PDB file of all heavy atoms in Angstrom:
ATOM      1  N   TYR A   1      -0.157 106.534  49.438  1.00  0.00           N
ATOM      2  CA  TYR A   1      -0.054 107.490  48.318  1.00  0.00           C
ATOM      3  C   TYR A   1       1.108 107.020  47.323  1.00  0.00           C
ATOM      4  O   TYR A   1       0.917 107.224  46.133  1.00  0.00           O
ATOM      5  CB  TYR A   1       0.343 108.808  48.856  1.00  0.00           C
ATOM      6  CG  TYR A   1       0.186 109.918  47.916  1.00  0.00           C
ATOM      7  CD1 TYR A   1      -0.987 110.314  47.516  1.00  0.00           C
ATOM      8  CD2 TYR A   1       1.327 110.687  47.411  1.00  0.00           C
ATOM      9  CE1 TYR A   1      -1.104 111.413  46.520  1.00  0.00           C
ATOM     10  CE2 TYR A   1       1.288 111.625  46.493  1.00  0.00           C
ATOM     11  CZ  TYR A   1       0.020 112.015  46.080  1.00  0.00           C
ATOM     12  OH  TYR A   1      -0.154 113.077  45.142  1.00  0.00           O
ATOM     13  N   THR A   2       2.086 106.285  47.857  1.00  0.00           N
ATOM     14  CA  THR A   2       3.116 105.724  46.949  1.00  0.00           C
ATOM     15  C   THR A   2       2.507 104.732  46.010  1.00  0.00           C
ATOM     16  O   THR A   2       2.829 104.683  44.843  1.00  0.00           O
ATOM     17  CB  THR A   2       4.220 105.027  47.786  1.00  0.00           C
ATOM     18  OG1 THR A   2       4.821 106.087  48.726  1.00  0.00           O
ATOM     19  CG2 THR A   2       5.244 104.423  46.943  1.00  0.00           C
ATOM     20  N   VAL A   3       1.592 103.860  46.459  1.00  0.00           N
ATOM     21  CA  VAL A   3       1.003 102.924  45.594  1.00  0.00           C
ATOM     22  C   VAL A   3       0.072 103.709  44.543  1.00  0.00           C
ATOM     23  O   VAL A   3       0.076 103.263  43.328  1.00  0.00           O
ATOM     24  CB  VAL A   3       0.030 101.980  46.401  1.00  0.00           C
ATOM     25  CG1 VAL A   3      -0.827 101.031  45.611  1.00  0.00           C
ATOM     26  CG2 VAL A   3       0.822 101.100  47.419  1.00  0.00           C
ATOM     27  N   TRP A   4      -0.630 104.661  44.968  1.00  0.00           N
ATOM     28  CA  TRP A   4      -1.439 105.445  44.032  1.00  0.00           C
ATOM     29  C   TRP A   4      -0.560 106.005  42.874  1.00  0.00           C
ATOM     30  O   TRP A   4      -0.945 106.064  41.720  1.00  0.00           O
ATOM     31  CB  TRP A   4      -2.097 106.588  44.814  1.00  0.00           C
ATOM     32  CG  TRP A   4      -2.675 107.722  43.922  1.00  0.00           C
ATOM     33  CD1 TRP A   4      -2.282 109.020  44.012  1.00  0.00           C
ATOM     34  CD2 TRP A   4      -3.744 107.599  42.968  1.00  0.00           C
ATOM     35  NE1 TRP A   4      -3.060 109.773  43.127  1.00  0.00           N
ATOM     36  CE2 TRP A   4      -3.987 108.899  42.479  1.00  0.00           C
ATOM     37  CE3 TRP A   4      -4.550 106.537  42.549  1.00  0.00           C
ATOM     38  CZ2 TRP A   4      -4.888 109.223  41.489  1.00  0.00           C
ATOM     39  CZ3 TRP A   4      -5.508 106.863  41.514  1.00  0.00           C
ATOM     40  CH2 TRP A   4      -5.662 108.127  41.041  1.00  0.00           C
ATOM     41  N   LEU A   5       0.628 106.419  43.199  1.00  0.00           N
ATOM     42  CA  LEU A   5       1.545 107.064  42.152  1.00  0.00           C
ATOM     43  C   LEU A   5       2.246 105.956  41.350  1.00  0.00           C
ATOM     44  O   LEU A   5       2.891 106.344  40.293  1.00  0.00           O
ATOM     45  CB  LEU A   5       2.570 107.886  42.898  1.00  0.00           C
ATOM     46  CG  LEU A   5       1.960 109.133  43.547  1.00  0.00           C
ATOM     47  CD1 LEU A   5       3.139 109.977  44.244  1.00  0.00           C
ATOM     48  CD2 LEU A   5       1.224 110.024  42.602  1.00  0.00           C
ATOM     49  N   ASP A   6       2.272 104.720  41.787  1.00  0.00           N
ATOM     50  CA  ASP A   6       3.052 103.669  41.094  1.00  0.00           C
ATOM     51  C   ASP A   6       2.308 103.149  39.853  1.00  0.00           C
ATOM     52  O   ASP A   6       1.319 102.444  39.933  1.00  0.00           O
ATOM     53  CB  ASP A   6       3.322 102.528  42.040  1.00  0.00           C
ATOM     54  CG  ASP A   6       4.198 101.427  41.502  1.00  0.00           C
ATOM     55  OD1 ASP A   6       4.555 101.585  40.343  1.00  0.00           O
ATOM     56  OD2 ASP A   6       4.543 100.603  42.255  1.00  0.00           O
ATOM     57  N   HIS A   7       2.882 103.576  38.646  1.00  0.00           N
ATOM     58  CA  HIS A   7       2.173 103.099  37.374  1.00  0.00           C
ATOM     59  C   HIS A   7       2.325 101.666  37.142  1.00  0.00           C
ATOM     60  O   HIS A   7       1.663 101.129  36.206  1.00  0.00           O
ATOM     61  CB  HIS A   7       2.810 103.942  36.288  1.00  0.00           C
ATOM     62  CG  HIS A   7       2.536 105.430  36.407  1.00  0.00           C
ATOM     63  ND1 HIS A   7       1.330 105.988  35.788  1.00  0.00           N
ATOM     64  CD2 HIS A   7       3.178 106.425  36.840  1.00  0.00           C
ATOM     65  CE1 HIS A   7       1.355 107.261  36.055  1.00  0.00           C
ATOM     66  NE2 HIS A   7       2.458 107.523  36.694  1.00  0.00           N
ATOM     67  N   ASN A   8       3.105 100.956  37.889  1.00  0.00           N
ATOM     68  CA  ASN A   8       3.322  99.441  37.595  1.00  0.00           C
ATOM     69  C   ASN A   8       2.233  98.703  38.406  1.00  0.00           C
ATOM     70  O   ASN A   8       1.993  97.482  38.164  1.00  0.00           O
ATOM     71  CB  ASN A   8       4.684  99.015  38.158  1.00  0.00           C
ATOM     72  CG  ASN A   8       5.816  99.581  37.209  1.00  0.00           C
ATOM     73  OD1 ASN A   8       5.703  99.571  36.088  1.00  0.00           O
ATOM     74  ND2 ASN A   8       6.827 100.018  37.918  1.00  0.00           N
ATOM     75  N   GLN A   9       1.453  99.362  39.261  1.00  0.00           N
ATOM     76  CA  GLN A   9       0.424  98.668  39.982  1.00  0.00           C
ATOM     77  C   GLN A   9      -0.889  98.586  39.220  1.00  0.00           C
ATOM     78  O   GLN A   9      -1.130  99.418  38.223  1.00  0.00           O
ATOM     79  CB  GLN A   9       0.105  99.481  41.322  1.00  0.00           C
ATOM     80  CG  GLN A   9       1.214  99.601  42.282  1.00  0.00           C
ATOM     81  CD  GLN A   9       1.294  98.363  43.165  1.00  0.00           C
ATOM     82  OE1 GLN A   9       0.462  97.411  43.183  1.00  0.00           O
ATOM     83  NE2 GLN A   9       2.407  98.213  43.860  1.00  0.00           N
ATOM     84  N   ALA A  10      -1.683  97.569  39.485  1.00  0.00           N
ATOM     85  CA  ALA A  10      -3.011  97.416  38.761  1.00  0.00           C
ATOM     86  C   ALA A  10      -3.934  98.581  39.087  1.00  0.00           C
ATOM     87  O   ALA A  10      -3.848  99.190  40.124  1.00  0.00           O
ATOM     88  CB  ALA A  10      -3.611  96.101  39.183  1.00  0.00           C
ATOM     89  N   ASP A  11      -4.787  98.840  38.132  1.00  0.00           N
ATOM     90  CA  ASP A  11      -5.824  99.953  38.421  1.00  0.00           C
ATOM     91  C   ASP A  11      -6.514  99.804  39.715  1.00  0.00           C
ATOM     92  O   ASP A  11      -6.656 100.779  40.478  1.00  0.00           O
ATOM     93  CB  ASP A  11      -6.839  99.963  37.214  1.00  0.00           C
ATOM     94  CG  ASP A  11      -6.148 100.472  35.953  1.00  0.00           C
ATOM     95  OD1 ASP A  11      -5.182 101.198  35.964  1.00  0.00           O
ATOM     96  OD2 ASP A  11      -6.768 100.021  34.892  1.00  0.00           O
ATOM     97  N   SER A  12      -6.918  98.563  39.939  1.00  0.00           N
ATOM     98  CA  SER A  12      -7.687  98.317  41.237  1.00  0.00           C
ATOM     99  C   SER A  12      -6.942  98.682  42.455  1.00  0.00           C
ATOM    100  O   SER A  12      -7.447  99.227  43.437  1.00  0.00           O
ATOM    101  CB  SER A  12      -8.266  96.866  41.293  1.00  0.00           C
ATOM    102  OG  SER A  12      -7.187  96.002  41.173  1.00  0.00           O
ATOM    103  N   ALA A  13      -5.619  98.286  42.432  1.00  0.00           N
ATOM    104  CA  ALA A  13      -4.798  98.482  43.575  1.00  0.00           C
ATOM    105  C   ALA A  13      -4.490  99.996  43.789  1.00  0.00           C
ATOM    106  O   ALA A  13      -4.513 100.449  44.924  1.00  0.00           O
ATOM    107  CB  ALA A  13      -3.480  97.763  43.411  1.00  0.00           C
ATOM    108  N   ARG A  14      -4.382 100.687  42.667  1.00  0.00           N
ATOM    109  CA  ARG A  14      -4.039 102.142  42.778  1.00  0.00           C
ATOM    110  C   ARG A  14      -5.260 102.915  43.263  1.00  0.00           C
ATOM    111  O   ARG A  14      -5.095 103.845  44.113  1.00  0.00           O
ATOM    112  CB  ARG A  14      -3.536 102.680  41.424  1.00  0.00           C
ATOM    113  CG  ARG A  14      -2.289 102.159  40.914  1.00  0.00           C
ATOM    114  CD  ARG A  14      -1.842 102.802  39.610  1.00  0.00           C
ATOM    115  NE  ARG A  14      -1.577 104.209  39.693  1.00  0.00           N
ATOM    116  CZ  ARG A  14      -1.279 104.891  38.660  1.00  0.00           C
ATOM    117  NH1 ARG A  14      -1.335 104.513  37.431  1.00  0.00           N
ATOM    118  NH2 ARG A  14      -1.032 106.269  38.914  1.00  0.00           N
ATOM    119  N   VAL A  15      -6.418 102.607  42.786  1.00  0.00           N
ATOM    120  CA  VAL A  15      -7.655 103.307  43.137  1.00  0.00           C
ATOM    121  C   VAL A  15      -7.986 102.950  44.622  1.00  0.00           C
ATOM    122  O   VAL A  15      -8.355 103.880  45.361  1.00  0.00           O
ATOM    123  CB  VAL A  15      -8.771 102.928  42.190  1.00  0.00           C
ATOM    124  CG1 VAL A  15     -10.103 103.380  42.822  1.00  0.00           C
ATOM    125  CG2 VAL A  15      -8.616 103.451  40.798  1.00  0.00           C
ATOM    126  N   THR A  16      -7.841 101.705  44.951  1.00  0.00           N
ATOM    127  CA  THR A  16      -8.111 101.347  46.410  1.00  0.00           C
ATOM    128  C   THR A  16      -7.172 102.064  47.312  1.00  0.00           C
ATOM    129  O   THR A  16      -7.544 102.517  48.401  1.00  0.00           O
ATOM    130  CB  THR A  16      -8.015  99.842  46.565  1.00  0.00           C
ATOM    131  OG1 THR A  16      -8.966  99.140  45.718  1.00  0.00           O
ATOM    132  CG2 THR A  16      -8.292  99.452  48.035  1.00  0.00           C
ATOM    133  N   ALA A  17      -5.903 102.130  46.964  1.00  0.00           N
ATOM    134  CA  ALA A  17      -4.906 102.891  47.823  1.00  0.00           C
ATOM    135  C   ALA A  17      -5.260 104.362  47.896  1.00  0.00           C
ATOM    136  O   ALA A  17      -5.234 104.942  49.040  1.00  0.00           O
ATOM    137  CB  ALA A  17      -3.489 102.664  47.257  1.00  0.00           C
ATOM    138  N   TYR A  18      -5.716 105.030  46.866  1.00  0.00           N
ATOM    139  CA  TYR A  18      -6.025 106.445  46.945  1.00  0.00           C
ATOM    140  C   TYR A  18      -7.321 106.580  47.758  1.00  0.00           C
ATOM    141  O   TYR A  18      -7.325 107.582  48.480  1.00  0.00           O
ATOM    142  CB  TYR A  18      -6.097 106.966  45.489  1.00  0.00           C
ATOM    143  CG  TYR A  18      -6.220 108.423  45.411  1.00  0.00           C
ATOM    144  CD1 TYR A  18      -5.155 109.243  46.058  1.00  0.00           C
ATOM    145  CD2 TYR A  18      -7.282 109.098  44.807  1.00  0.00           C
ATOM    146  CE1 TYR A  18      -5.071 110.597  46.007  1.00  0.00           C
ATOM    147  CE2 TYR A  18      -7.228 110.522  44.779  1.00  0.00           C
ATOM    148  CZ  TYR A  18      -6.206 111.213  45.366  1.00  0.00           C
ATOM    149  OH  TYR A  18      -6.227 112.580  45.312  1.00  0.00           O
ATOM    150  N   LYS A  19      -8.196 105.722  47.577  1.00  0.00           N
ATOM    151  CA  LYS A  19      -9.495 105.817  48.345  1.00  0.00           C
ATOM    152  C   LYS A  19      -9.169 105.732  49.848  1.00  0.00           C
ATOM    153  O   LYS A  19      -9.618 106.595  50.606  1.00  0.00           O
ATOM    154  CB  LYS A  19     -10.348 104.699  47.997  1.00  0.00           C
ATOM    155  CG  LYS A  19     -11.622 104.672  48.919  1.00  0.00           C
ATOM    156  CD  LYS A  19     -12.508 103.358  48.663  1.00  0.00           C
ATOM    157  CE  LYS A  19     -13.660 103.302  49.553  1.00  0.00           C
ATOM    158  NZ  LYS A  19     -14.496 102.056  49.377  1.00  0.00           N
ATOM    159  N   LEU A  20      -8.306 104.828  50.233  1.00  0.00           N
ATOM    160  CA  LEU A  20      -7.894 104.629  51.705  1.00  0.00           C
ATOM    161  C   LEU A  20      -7.060 105.843  52.088  1.00  0.00           C
ATOM    162  O   LEU A  20      -7.172 106.319  53.255  1.00  0.00           O
ATOM    163  CB  LEU A  20      -7.101 103.319  51.900  1.00  0.00           C
ATOM    164  CG  LEU A  20      -8.009 102.101  51.759  1.00  0.00           C
ATOM    165  CD1 LEU A  20      -7.087 100.885  51.752  1.00  0.00           C
ATOM    166  CD2 LEU A  20      -9.120 102.007  52.802  1.00  0.00           C
ATOM    167  N   TYR A  21      -6.371 106.359  51.237  1.00  0.00           N
ATOM    168  CA  TYR A  21      -5.546 107.581  51.609  1.00  0.00           C
ATOM    169  C   TYR A  21      -6.345 108.760  51.873  1.00  0.00           C
ATOM    170  O   TYR A  21      -6.154 109.497  52.904  1.00  0.00           O
ATOM    171  CB  TYR A  21      -4.583 107.931  50.411  1.00  0.00           C
ATOM    172  CG  TYR A  21      -3.861 109.222  50.496  1.00  0.00           C
ATOM    173  CD1 TYR A  21      -2.740 109.295  51.401  1.00  0.00           C
ATOM    174  CD2 TYR A  21      -4.232 110.336  49.666  1.00  0.00           C
ATOM    175  CE1 TYR A  21      -2.038 110.560  51.431  1.00  0.00           C
ATOM    176  CE2 TYR A  21      -3.540 111.502  49.826  1.00  0.00           C
ATOM    177  CZ  TYR A  21      -2.404 111.641  50.684  1.00  0.00           C
ATOM    178  OH  TYR A  21      -1.809 112.807  50.758  1.00  0.00           O
ATOM    179  N   ILE A  22      -7.485 108.934  51.159  1.00  0.00           N
ATOM    180  CA  ILE A  22      -8.372 110.020  51.339  1.00  0.00           C
ATOM    181  C   ILE A  22      -9.166 109.723  52.624  1.00  0.00           C
ATOM    182  O   ILE A  22      -9.367 110.571  53.444  1.00  0.00           O
ATOM    183  CB  ILE A  22      -9.244 110.307  50.181  1.00  0.00           C
ATOM    184  CG1 ILE A  22      -8.456 110.843  48.924  1.00  0.00           C
ATOM    185  CG2 ILE A  22     -10.370 111.253  50.442  1.00  0.00           C
ATOM    186  CD1 ILE A  22      -9.272 110.932  47.674  1.00  0.00           C
ATOM    187  N   TRP A  23      -9.704 108.462  52.680  1.00  0.00           N
ATOM    188  CA  TRP A  23     -10.612 108.103  53.741  1.00  0.00           C
ATOM    189  C   TRP A  23      -9.856 108.273  55.082  1.00  0.00           C
ATOM    190  O   TRP A  23     -10.458 108.819  56.068  1.00  0.00           O
ATOM    191  CB  TRP A  23     -11.028 106.653  53.503  1.00  0.00           C
ATOM    192  CG  TRP A  23     -12.133 106.218  54.497  1.00  0.00           C
ATOM    193  CD1 TRP A  23     -12.025 105.845  55.858  1.00  0.00           C
ATOM    194  CD2 TRP A  23     -13.533 106.151  54.215  1.00  0.00           C
ATOM    195  NE1 TRP A  23     -13.244 105.547  56.392  1.00  0.00           N
ATOM    196  CE2 TRP A  23     -14.180 105.719  55.389  1.00  0.00           C
ATOM    197  CE3 TRP A  23     -14.317 106.415  53.094  1.00  0.00           C
ATOM    198  CZ2 TRP A  23     -15.534 105.499  55.482  1.00  0.00           C
ATOM    199  CZ3 TRP A  23     -15.673 106.155  53.166  1.00  0.00           C
ATOM    200  CH2 TRP A  23     -16.330 105.763  54.342  1.00  0.00           C
ATOM    201  N   ASN A  24      -8.668 107.685  55.243  1.00  0.00           N
ATOM    202  CA  ASN A  24      -7.971 107.684  56.508  1.00  0.00           C
ATOM    203  C   ASN A  24      -7.366 109.060  56.855  1.00  0.00           C
ATOM    204  O   ASN A  24      -7.132 109.318  58.050  1.00  0.00           O
ATOM    205  CB  ASN A  24      -6.951 106.674  56.498  1.00  0.00           C
ATOM    206  CG  ASN A  24      -7.550 105.213  56.458  1.00  0.00           C
ATOM    207  OD1 ASN A  24      -8.604 104.921  56.849  1.00  0.00           O
ATOM    208  ND2 ASN A  24      -6.719 104.246  55.855  1.00  0.00           N
ATOM    209  N   GLY A  25      -7.024 109.802  55.859  1.00  0.00           N
ATOM    210  CA  GLY A  25      -6.252 111.029  56.123  1.00  0.00           C
ATOM    211  C   GLY A  25      -7.059 112.292  56.035  1.00  0.00           C
ATOM    212  O   GLY A  25      -6.619 113.362  56.663  1.00  0.00           O
ATOM    213  N   TYR A  26      -8.100 112.344  55.300  1.00  0.00           N
ATOM    214  CA  TYR A  26      -8.809 113.659  55.076  1.00  0.00           C
ATOM    215  C   TYR A  26     -10.306 113.614  55.306  1.00  0.00           C
ATOM    216  O   TYR A  26     -10.884 114.596  55.576  1.00  0.00           O
ATOM    217  CB  TYR A  26      -8.497 114.150  53.679  1.00  0.00           C
ATOM    218  CG  TYR A  26      -7.013 114.282  53.361  1.00  0.00           C
ATOM    219  CD1 TYR A  26      -6.229 113.267  52.892  1.00  0.00           C
ATOM    220  CD2 TYR A  26      -6.449 115.500  53.683  1.00  0.00           C
ATOM    221  CE1 TYR A  26      -4.871 113.500  52.729  1.00  0.00           C
ATOM    222  CE2 TYR A  26      -5.092 115.711  53.434  1.00  0.00           C
ATOM    223  CZ  TYR A  26      -4.286 114.706  52.982  1.00  0.00           C
ATOM    224  OH  TYR A  26      -2.958 114.916  52.707  1.00  0.00           O
ATOM    225  N   LEU A  27     -11.012 112.493  55.020  1.00  0.00           N
ATOM    226  CA  LEU A  27     -12.498 112.475  54.836  1.00  0.00           C
ATOM    227  C   LEU A  27     -13.110 113.029  56.088  1.00  0.00           C
ATOM    228  O   LEU A  27     -14.136 113.778  55.966  1.00  0.00           O
ATOM    229  CB  LEU A  27     -12.915 111.105  54.513  1.00  0.00           C
ATOM    230  CG  LEU A  27     -14.392 110.973  54.053  1.00  0.00           C
ATOM    231  CD1 LEU A  27     -14.629 111.867  52.878  1.00  0.00           C
ATOM    232  CD2 LEU A  27     -14.740 109.551  53.623  1.00  0.00           C
ATOM    233  N   PHE A  28     -12.697 112.682  57.259  1.00  0.00           N
ATOM    234  CA  PHE A  28     -13.444 113.082  58.499  1.00  0.00           C
ATOM    235  C   PHE A  28     -12.761 114.260  59.193  1.00  0.00           C
ATOM    236  O   PHE A  28     -13.283 114.833  60.214  1.00  0.00           O
ATOM    237  CB  PHE A  28     -13.656 111.839  59.366  1.00  0.00           C
ATOM    238  CG  PHE A  28     -14.381 110.777  58.753  1.00  0.00           C
ATOM    239  CD1 PHE A  28     -13.732 109.772  58.089  1.00  0.00           C
ATOM    240  CD2 PHE A  28     -15.766 110.850  58.639  1.00  0.00           C
ATOM    241  CE1 PHE A  28     -14.427 108.777  57.428  1.00  0.00           C
ATOM    242  CE2 PHE A  28     -16.459 109.832  57.981  1.00  0.00           C
ATOM    243  CZ  PHE A  28     -15.891 108.848  57.389  1.00  0.00           C
ATOM    244  N   SER A  29     -11.485 114.555  58.826  1.00  0.00           N
ATOM    245  CA  SER A  29     -10.792 115.692  59.462  1.00  0.00           C
ATOM    246  C   SER A  29     -10.815 116.977  58.643  1.00  0.00           C
ATOM    247  O   SER A  29     -10.832 118.054  59.119  1.00  0.00           O
ATOM    248  CB  SER A  29      -9.334 115.269  59.841  1.00  0.00           C
ATOM    249  OG  SER A  29      -8.624 114.896  58.630  1.00  0.00           O
ATOM    250  N   ARG A  30     -10.729 116.731  57.291  1.00  0.00           N
ATOM    251  CA  ARG A  30     -10.731 117.864  56.343  1.00  0.00           C
ATOM    252  C   ARG A  30     -11.712 117.519  55.190  1.00  0.00           C
ATOM    253  O   ARG A  30     -11.191 117.380  54.003  1.00  0.00           O
ATOM    254  CB  ARG A  30      -9.316 118.120  55.892  1.00  0.00           C
ATOM    255  CG  ARG A  30      -8.390 118.574  56.953  1.00  0.00           C
ATOM    256  CD  ARG A  30      -6.967 118.679  56.504  1.00  0.00           C
ATOM    257  NE  ARG A  30      -6.821 119.650  55.417  1.00  0.00           N
ATOM    258  CZ  ARG A  30      -5.688 119.725  54.709  1.00  0.00           C
ATOM    259  NH1 ARG A  30      -4.693 119.043  55.007  1.00  0.00           N
ATOM    260  NH2 ARG A  30      -5.727 120.660  53.781  1.00  0.00           N
ATOM    261  N   PRO A  31     -12.963 117.302  55.491  1.00  0.00           N
ATOM    262  CA  PRO A  31     -13.896 116.901  54.328  1.00  0.00           C
ATOM    263  C   PRO A  31     -13.972 117.940  53.217  1.00  0.00           C
ATOM    264  O   PRO A  31     -14.299 117.662  52.066  1.00  0.00           O
ATOM    265  CB  PRO A  31     -15.281 116.670  55.028  1.00  0.00           C
ATOM    266  CG  PRO A  31     -15.067 117.581  56.255  1.00  0.00           C
ATOM    267  CD  PRO A  31     -13.705 117.488  56.696  1.00  0.00           C
ATOM    268  N   ASP A  32     -13.675 119.229  53.525  1.00  0.00           N
ATOM    269  CA  ASP A  32     -13.765 120.281  52.485  1.00  0.00           C
ATOM    270  C   ASP A  32     -12.749 120.098  51.428  1.00  0.00           C
ATOM    271  O   ASP A  32     -12.919 120.552  50.266  1.00  0.00           O
ATOM    272  CB  ASP A  32     -13.656 121.670  53.160  1.00  0.00           C
ATOM    273  CG  ASP A  32     -12.319 121.808  53.974  1.00  0.00           C
ATOM    274  OD1 ASP A  32     -12.013 120.856  54.780  1.00  0.00           O
ATOM    275  OD2 ASP A  32     -11.590 122.716  53.803  1.00  0.00           O
ATOM    276  N   THR A  33     -11.615 119.363  51.611  1.00  0.00           N
ATOM    277  CA  THR A  33     -10.613 119.151  50.697  1.00  0.00           C
ATOM    278  C   THR A  33     -10.909 117.925  49.752  1.00  0.00           C
ATOM    279  O   THR A  33     -10.289 117.809  48.779  1.00  0.00           O
ATOM    280  CB  THR A  33      -9.258 118.885  51.359  1.00  0.00           C
ATOM    281  OG1 THR A  33      -9.299 117.683  52.033  1.00  0.00           O
ATOM    282  CG2 THR A  33      -8.982 120.099  52.332  1.00  0.00           C
ATOM    283  N   VAL A  34     -11.822 117.091  50.208  1.00  0.00           N
ATOM    284  CA  VAL A  34     -12.028 115.761  49.509  1.00  0.00           C
ATOM    285  C   VAL A  34     -12.636 116.012  48.128  1.00  0.00           C
ATOM    286  O   VAL A  34     -12.334 115.282  47.143  1.00  0.00           O
ATOM    287  CB  VAL A  34     -12.889 114.853  50.365  1.00  0.00           C
ATOM    288  CG1 VAL A  34     -13.337 113.610  49.567  1.00  0.00           C
ATOM    289  CG2 VAL A  34     -12.167 114.436  51.653  1.00  0.00           C
ATOM    290  N   GLU A  35     -13.516 116.954  47.998  1.00  0.00           N
ATOM    291  CA  GLU A  35     -14.236 117.283  46.744  1.00  0.00           C
ATOM    292  C   GLU A  35     -13.149 117.429  45.651  1.00  0.00           C
ATOM    293  O   GLU A  35     -13.253 116.872  44.554  1.00  0.00           O
ATOM    294  CB  GLU A  35     -15.094 118.483  46.868  1.00  0.00           C
ATOM    295  CG  GLU A  35     -15.990 118.763  45.656  1.00  0.00           C
ATOM    296  CD  GLU A  35     -17.342 118.119  45.878  1.00  0.00           C
ATOM    297  OE1 GLU A  35     -17.745 117.692  46.976  1.00  0.00           O
ATOM    298  OE2 GLU A  35     -18.027 117.922  44.845  1.00  0.00           O
ATOM    299  N   LEU A  36     -12.080 118.248  45.947  1.00  0.00           N
ATOM    300  CA  LEU A  36     -11.021 118.484  44.981  1.00  0.00           C
ATOM    301  C   LEU A  36     -10.166 117.217  44.795  1.00  0.00           C
ATOM    302  O   LEU A  36      -9.800 116.921  43.692  1.00  0.00           O
ATOM    303  CB  LEU A  36     -10.199 119.668  45.423  1.00  0.00           C
ATOM    304  CG  LEU A  36      -9.135 120.167  44.438  1.00  0.00           C
ATOM    305  CD1 LEU A  36      -9.734 120.462  43.088  1.00  0.00           C
ATOM    306  CD2 LEU A  36      -8.374 121.283  45.045  1.00  0.00           C
ATOM    307  N   MET A  37      -9.796 116.634  45.918  1.00  0.00           N
ATOM    308  CA  MET A  37      -8.867 115.459  45.852  1.00  0.00           C
ATOM    309  C   MET A  37      -9.468 114.336  45.010  1.00  0.00           C
ATOM    310  O   MET A  37      -8.772 113.674  44.248  1.00  0.00           O
ATOM    311  CB  MET A  37      -8.607 114.982  47.251  1.00  0.00           C
ATOM    312  CG  MET A  37      -7.787 115.951  48.125  1.00  0.00           C
ATOM    313  SD  MET A  37      -7.549 115.337  49.757  1.00  0.00           S
ATOM    314  CE  MET A  37      -6.373 113.927  49.446  1.00  0.00           C
TER     315      MET A  37
END
C-alpha cells in the first residue's frame, strides 16, 4: 500500500502493488469490498 501511495514510483509499479494489495488482502476474504476498492 505504501508503494501504491508513492508518487515517485512508476505507474506500473504502483498499479502492480495495489493489485497485489487487493489480491492478497481482500479478494478472497472480503470480495464484496473489491468492487469499490
